[in-house]
Amino acid sequence: MGAQLNIKDAETIRLARELAEATGQPITQAIRAALERELQRREEEIQETIRRVNEIVAEFQHDMPEEWRGKTSREIMDSIYDEDGLPK
């Protein structure tokens, strides 16, 4: 038994038909290709975000004070502030 997808939105159906006609593909193939492209685009976006975050982390680590290297954020905060949260 095949899988089913029941689309009840008229605009979505119109867009699917328009895409299928424009690409010369059956509707199912056109929808599948569009979904695959969107998933690929999202994955690339996620990977780009991860790359940028890693770049920021590397820059921060490069510029951080030597005495903070190898310490947890808790250890760093404890070295800066007393038990009342005031600067030491």
N, C-alpha and C. Protein backbone atom coordinates (compact mmCIF):
# COMPACT_ATOMS: atom_id res chain seq x y z
N MET A 1 0.84 -1.18 0.00
CA MET A 1 0.00 0.00 0.00
C MET A 1 0.88 1.24 0.00
N GLY A 2 0.61 2.18 -0.85
CA GLY A 2 1.41 3.39 -0.97
C GLY A 2 1.07 4.41 0.10
N ALA A 3 2.01 5.30 0.34
CA ALA A 3 1.80 6.38 1.29
C ALA A 3 0.88 7.43 0.66
N GLN A 4 0.21 8.18 1.52
CA GLN A 4 -0.69 9.21 1.03
C GLN A 4 -0.43 10.53 1.72
N LEU A 5 -0.73 11.58 1.01
CA LEU A 5 -0.67 12.93 1.55
C LEU A 5 -1.89 13.65 1.00
N ASN A 6 -2.72 14.13 1.87
CA ASN A 6 -3.96 14.78 1.45
C ASN A 6 -3.82 16.28 1.69
N ILE A 7 -3.67 17.03 0.63
CA ILE A 7 -3.51 18.48 0.73
C ILE A 7 -4.86 19.13 0.46
N LYS A 8 -5.32 19.90 1.42
CA LYS A 8 -6.65 20.51 1.31
C LYS A 8 -6.59 22.01 1.05
N ASP A 9 -5.39 22.55 0.97
CA ASP A 9 -5.22 23.98 0.74
C ASP A 9 -5.14 24.26 -0.75
N ALA A 10 -6.09 25.04 -1.25
CA ALA A 10 -6.18 25.30 -2.69
C ALA A 10 -4.93 25.98 -3.25
N GLU A 11 -4.36 26.91 -2.49
CA GLU A 11 -3.17 27.61 -2.97
C GLU A 11 -1.97 26.68 -3.06
N THR A 12 -1.84 25.78 -2.11
CA THR A 12 -0.75 24.80 -2.15
C THR A 12 -0.90 23.89 -3.36
N ILE A 13 -2.10 23.48 -3.64
CA ILE A 13 -2.36 22.63 -4.82
C ILE A 13 -2.04 23.40 -6.10
N ARG A 14 -2.45 24.66 -6.14
CA ARG A 14 -2.16 25.48 -7.33
C ARG A 14 -0.66 25.60 -7.53
N LEU A 15 0.07 25.87 -6.45
CA LEU A 15 1.52 26.00 -6.55
C LEU A 15 2.17 24.69 -6.99
N ALA A 16 1.70 23.58 -6.46
CA ALA A 16 2.24 22.28 -6.84
C ALA A 16 2.02 22.02 -8.33
N ARG A 17 0.84 22.32 -8.79
CA ARG A 17 0.55 22.13 -10.22
C ARG A 17 1.38 23.06 -11.09
N GLU A 18 1.53 24.31 -10.64
CA GLU A 18 2.34 25.28 -11.40
C GLU A 18 3.79 24.82 -11.47
N LEU A 19 4.32 24.34 -10.36
CA LEU A 19 5.70 23.84 -10.35
C LEU A 19 5.85 22.63 -11.25
N ALA A 20 4.91 21.72 -11.17
CA ALA A 20 4.96 20.52 -12.01
C ALA A 20 4.93 20.89 -13.49
N GLU A 21 4.07 21.81 -13.83
CA GLU A 21 3.97 22.24 -15.23
C GLU A 21 5.26 22.93 -15.67
N ALA A 22 5.80 23.78 -14.81
CA ALA A 22 7.01 24.53 -15.16
C ALA A 22 8.22 23.62 -15.32
N THR A 23 8.26 22.53 -14.56
CA THR A 23 9.41 21.63 -14.63
C THR A 23 9.18 20.44 -15.55
N GLY A 24 7.96 20.27 -15.98
CA GLY A 24 7.64 19.13 -16.85
C GLY A 24 7.64 17.81 -16.11
N GLN A 25 7.48 17.85 -14.81
CA GLN A 25 7.46 16.64 -13.99
C GLN A 25 6.04 16.36 -13.51
N PRO A 26 5.79 15.10 -13.17
CA PRO A 26 4.53 14.82 -12.49
C PRO A 26 4.50 15.57 -11.15
N ILE A 27 3.32 15.86 -10.65
CA ILE A 27 3.18 16.63 -9.41
C ILE A 27 3.98 16.01 -8.27
N THR A 28 3.89 14.70 -8.10
CA THR A 28 4.60 14.04 -6.99
C THR A 28 6.10 14.28 -7.09
N GLN A 29 6.67 14.13 -8.27
CA GLN A 29 8.11 14.36 -8.44
C GLN A 29 8.47 15.81 -8.20
N ALA A 30 7.65 16.73 -8.67
CA ALA A 30 7.93 18.15 -8.48
C ALA A 30 7.90 18.51 -7.00
N ILE A 31 6.92 17.98 -6.28
CA ILE A 31 6.83 18.24 -4.85
C ILE A 31 8.03 17.63 -4.12
N ARG A 32 8.36 16.40 -4.47
CA ARG A 32 9.50 15.73 -3.84
C ARG A 32 10.79 16.52 -4.06
N ALA A 33 11.02 16.94 -5.29
CA ALA A 33 12.24 17.70 -5.60
C ALA A 33 12.26 19.01 -4.83
N ALA A 34 11.12 19.69 -4.73
CA ALA A 34 11.06 20.95 -4.00
C ALA A 34 11.34 20.72 -2.52
N LEU A 35 10.79 19.67 -1.96
CA LEU A 35 11.03 19.36 -0.55
C LEU A 35 12.49 19.00 -0.31
N GLU A 36 13.08 18.23 -1.21
CA GLU A 36 14.50 17.88 -1.08
C GLU A 36 15.37 19.12 -1.15
N ARG A 37 15.05 20.04 -2.07
CA ARG A 37 15.83 21.28 -2.17
C ARG A 37 15.71 22.10 -0.89
N GLU A 38 14.51 22.19 -0.35
CA GLU A 38 14.31 22.96 0.88
C GLU A 38 15.06 22.34 2.05
N LEU A 39 15.00 21.02 2.18
CA LEU A 39 15.74 20.36 3.25
C LEU A 39 17.25 20.56 3.08
N GLN A 40 17.74 20.50 1.86
CA GLN A 40 19.16 20.73 1.60
C GLN A 40 19.54 22.17 1.94
N ARG A 41 18.69 23.11 1.56
CA ARG A 41 18.94 24.52 1.86
C ARG A 41 19.01 24.74 3.37
N ARG A 42 18.08 24.14 4.09
CA ARG A 42 18.07 24.28 5.55
C ARG A 42 19.32 23.67 6.17
N GLU A 43 19.74 22.51 5.67
CA GLU A 43 20.94 21.86 6.19
C GLU A 43 22.17 22.74 5.94
N GLU A 44 22.25 23.33 4.76
CA GLU A 44 23.36 24.22 4.44
C GLU A 44 23.34 25.45 5.35
N GLU A 45 22.15 25.96 5.64
CA GLU A 45 22.00 27.10 6.54
C GLU A 45 22.47 26.74 7.95
N ILE A 46 22.11 25.57 8.42
CA ILE A 46 22.54 25.10 9.74
C ILE A 46 24.05 24.97 9.77
N GLN A 47 24.63 24.37 8.74
CA GLN A 47 26.08 24.18 8.70
C GLN A 47 26.80 25.53 8.66
N GLU A 48 26.25 26.50 7.96
CA GLU A 48 26.84 27.84 7.91
C GLU A 48 26.78 28.50 9.28
N THR A 49 25.67 28.33 9.98
CA THR A 49 25.54 28.88 11.34
C THR A 49 26.57 28.24 12.26
N ILE A 50 26.71 26.94 12.18
CA ILE A 50 27.70 26.23 13.00
C ILE A 50 29.11 26.73 12.68
N ARG A 51 29.41 26.92 11.41
CA ARG A 51 30.73 27.42 11.01
C ARG A 51 30.98 28.80 11.60
N ARG A 52 29.96 29.69 11.53
CA ARG A 52 30.12 31.03 12.07
C ARG A 52 30.30 31.01 13.59
N VAL A 53 29.53 30.17 14.27
CA VAL A 53 29.67 30.06 15.73
C VAL A 53 31.07 29.56 16.08
N ASN A 54 31.54 28.54 15.38
CA ASN A 54 32.89 28.02 15.63
C ASN A 54 33.96 29.08 15.38
N GLU A 55 33.73 29.91 14.39
CA GLU A 55 34.66 31.00 14.09
C GLU A 55 34.69 32.01 15.24
N ILE A 56 33.51 32.33 15.77
CA ILE A 56 33.42 33.27 16.89
C ILE A 56 34.09 32.67 18.12
N VAL A 57 33.84 31.39 18.38
CA VAL A 57 34.46 30.71 19.52
C VAL A 57 35.98 30.73 19.39
N ALA A 58 36.48 30.42 18.21
CA ALA A 58 37.93 30.40 18.00
C ALA A 58 38.53 31.79 18.22
N GLU A 59 37.83 32.81 17.75
CA GLU A 59 38.31 34.19 17.93
C GLU A 59 38.32 34.56 19.41
N PHE A 60 37.25 34.19 20.12
CA PHE A 60 37.18 34.47 21.56
C PHE A 60 38.30 33.74 22.30
N GLN A 61 38.48 32.46 21.98
CA GLN A 61 39.53 31.69 22.65
C GLN A 61 40.91 32.29 22.40
N HIS A 62 41.11 32.77 21.20
CA HIS A 62 42.40 33.39 20.86
C HIS A 62 42.64 34.65 21.68
N ASP A 63 41.56 35.41 21.91
CA ASP A 63 41.69 36.70 22.58
C ASP A 63 41.47 36.63 24.10
N MET A 64 41.09 35.48 24.62
CA MET A 64 40.79 35.41 26.06
C MET A 64 42.07 35.51 26.88
N PRO A 65 41.95 36.05 28.08
CA PRO A 65 43.13 36.16 28.94
C PRO A 65 43.73 34.77 29.22
N GLU A 66 45.02 34.73 29.30
CA GLU A 66 45.73 33.47 29.51
C GLU A 66 45.24 32.75 30.77
N GLU A 67 44.96 33.51 31.83
CA GLU A 67 44.54 32.88 33.09
C GLU A 67 43.16 32.22 33.01
N TRP A 68 42.41 32.49 31.97
CA TRP A 68 41.09 31.85 31.81
C TRP A 68 41.19 30.54 31.03
N ARG A 69 42.27 30.33 30.35
CA ARG A 69 42.38 29.14 29.49
C ARG A 69 42.33 27.87 30.32
N GLY A 70 41.52 26.93 29.86
CA GLY A 70 41.39 25.65 30.53
C GLY A 70 40.42 25.66 31.71
N LYS A 71 39.82 26.81 32.00
CA LYS A 71 38.88 26.90 33.11
C LYS A 71 37.44 26.86 32.59
N THR A 72 36.55 26.41 33.46
CA THR A 72 35.13 26.43 33.12
C THR A 72 34.61 27.85 33.32
N SER A 73 33.45 28.14 32.76
CA SER A 73 32.86 29.46 32.94
C SER A 73 32.59 29.72 34.43
N ARG A 74 32.22 28.69 35.15
CA ARG A 74 31.99 28.82 36.60
C ARG A 74 33.28 29.22 37.31
N GLU A 75 34.37 28.59 36.97
CA GLU A 75 35.66 28.92 37.58
C GLU A 75 36.08 30.35 37.25
N ILE A 76 35.82 30.77 36.03
CA ILE A 76 36.15 32.14 35.63
C ILE A 76 35.31 33.13 36.42
N MET A 77 34.00 32.88 36.50
CA MET A 77 33.12 33.78 37.24
C MET A 77 33.51 33.84 38.72
N ASP A 78 33.87 32.68 39.28
CA ASP A 78 34.28 32.64 40.69
C ASP A 78 35.58 33.44 40.92
N SER A 79 36.43 33.51 39.89
CA SER A 79 37.67 34.26 40.05
C SER A 79 37.45 35.76 39.90
N ILE A 80 36.33 36.15 39.32
CA ILE A 80 36.03 37.56 39.09
C ILE A 80 35.14 38.14 40.19
N TYR A 81 34.16 37.35 40.64
CA TYR A 81 33.15 37.84 41.58
C TYR A 81 33.18 37.06 42.89
N ASP A 82 32.81 37.74 43.97
CA ASP A 82 32.75 37.05 45.27
C ASP A 82 31.40 36.33 45.41
N GLU A 83 31.16 35.75 46.59
CA GLU A 83 29.94 34.95 46.80
C GLU A 83 28.68 35.79 46.75
N ASP A 84 28.79 37.13 46.85
CA ASP A 84 27.63 38.01 46.76
C ASP A 84 27.43 38.56 45.35
N GLY A 85 28.27 38.12 44.42
CA GLY A 85 28.16 38.59 43.04
C GLY A 85 28.80 39.93 42.79
N LEU A 86 29.60 40.37 43.74
CA LEU A 86 30.30 41.65 43.58
C LEU A 86 31.71 41.40 43.08
N PRO A 87 32.24 42.35 42.32
CA PRO A 87 33.62 42.18 41.83
C PRO A 87 34.58 42.01 43.00
N LYS A 88 35.55 41.14 42.83
CA LYS A 88 36.56 40.91 43.88
C LYS A 88 37.55 42.05 43.93
